[in-house]
């Protein structure tokens, strides 16, 4: 994917990501429990990469492709394991 994040901001309920192609996409913070529960100072410690967003202290990674596809963070939900 050639579109990369250029800036990140938050409001009370939403993650906003400005992209290199001029679009701004939004996702509900409820999709990302680690970010929802984080302090504003922790949210501000985001690292931008070509493919997405990373918060080292929160162990959170969000891809631009996932945001564009409307995919919430599934890592903290129940998982199914093969028997």
Protein backbone atom coordinates (compact mmCIF):
# COMPACT_ATOMS: atom_id res chain seq x y z
CA UNK A 1 0.00 0.00 0.00
CA UNK A 2 1.44 3.37 -0.97
CA UNK A 3 -0.75 5.48 1.32
CA UNK A 4 0.93 6.24 4.63
CA UNK A 5 -0.18 8.05 7.79
CA UNK A 6 0.97 11.65 8.16
CA UNK A 7 -0.75 12.70 11.40
CA UNK A 8 -2.89 11.24 14.17
CA UNK A 9 -5.32 12.97 16.49
CA UNK A 10 -8.05 11.97 18.90
CA UNK A 11 -11.28 13.39 20.18
CA UNK A 12 -13.38 11.93 22.97
CA UNK A 13 -14.60 8.94 20.96
CA UNK A 14 -12.61 8.81 17.72
CA UNK A 15 -9.18 8.12 16.24
CA UNK A 16 -8.48 10.40 13.24
CA UNK A 17 -5.66 9.62 10.80
CA UNK A 18 -4.53 12.00 8.05
CA UNK A 19 -3.11 10.11 5.08
CA UNK A 20 -0.45 10.99 2.53
CA UNK A 21 -3.03 10.98 -0.29
CA UNK A 22 -5.04 13.78 1.36
CA UNK A 23 -7.76 11.67 2.94
CA UNK A 24 -8.59 11.70 6.64
CA UNK A 25 -10.09 8.53 8.04
CA UNK A 26 -11.79 8.01 11.37
CA UNK A 27 -12.40 4.97 13.53
CA UNK A 28 -14.21 4.67 16.85
CA UNK A 29 -11.86 4.34 19.82
CA UNK A 30 -14.13 1.52 21.00
CA UNK A 31 -12.53 -0.57 18.23
CA UNK A 32 -9.15 -0.25 19.96
CA UNK A 33 -9.53 -0.98 23.70
CA UNK A 34 -5.87 -0.22 24.49
CA UNK A 35 -6.21 3.26 23.02
CA UNK A 36 -9.63 3.78 24.58
CA UNK A 37 -8.23 3.03 28.03
CA UNK A 38 -4.97 4.96 27.51
CA UNK A 39 -4.21 8.41 28.89
CA UNK A 40 -3.89 11.24 26.35
CA UNK A 41 -0.14 11.33 27.02
CA UNK A 42 0.12 7.65 26.09
CA UNK A 43 -1.91 8.13 22.91
CA UNK A 44 0.40 10.97 21.90
CA UNK A 45 3.40 8.60 21.85
CA UNK A 46 2.49 7.20 18.45
CA UNK A 47 5.11 6.21 15.90
CA UNK A 48 4.16 6.60 12.24
CA UNK A 49 5.50 4.15 9.68
CA UNK A 50 4.87 3.61 5.99
CA UNK A 51 2.14 1.07 6.70
CA UNK A 52 0.55 2.21 9.93
CA UNK A 53 0.65 3.36 13.52
CA UNK A 54 2.49 1.92 16.52
CA UNK A 55 2.31 2.61 20.25
CA UNK A 56 5.22 0.78 21.88
CA UNK A 57 4.14 1.36 25.50
CA UNK A 58 0.58 0.20 24.73
CA UNK A 59 1.59 -2.75 22.53
CA UNK A 60 -0.80 -1.48 19.85
CA UNK A 61 -0.33 -1.59 16.08
CA UNK A 62 -2.88 -0.35 13.58
CA UNK A 63 -2.36 -0.68 9.84
CA UNK A 64 -3.61 1.85 7.32
CA UNK A 65 -4.99 -1.07 5.28
CA UNK A 66 -6.96 -2.27 8.32
CA UNK A 67 -8.38 1.19 8.96
CA UNK A 68 -9.39 1.58 5.32
CA UNK A 69 -11.06 -1.85 5.46
CA UNK A 70 -12.93 -0.93 8.64
CA UNK A 71 -11.28 -3.66 10.74
CA UNK A 72 -11.39 -3.25 14.53
CA UNK A 73 -8.71 -4.66 16.85
CA UNK A 74 -9.65 -8.28 17.48
CA UNK A 75 -6.68 -9.16 19.69
CA UNK A 76 -8.47 -8.63 23.00
CA UNK A 77 -11.60 -10.55 22.12
CA UNK A 78 -12.13 -14.27 22.66
CA UNK A 79 -10.05 -16.36 20.33
CA UNK A 80 -10.81 -19.79 18.95
CA UNK A 81 -8.09 -22.37 19.21
CA UNK A 82 -7.93 -25.59 17.28
CA UNK A 83 -8.46 -28.71 19.39
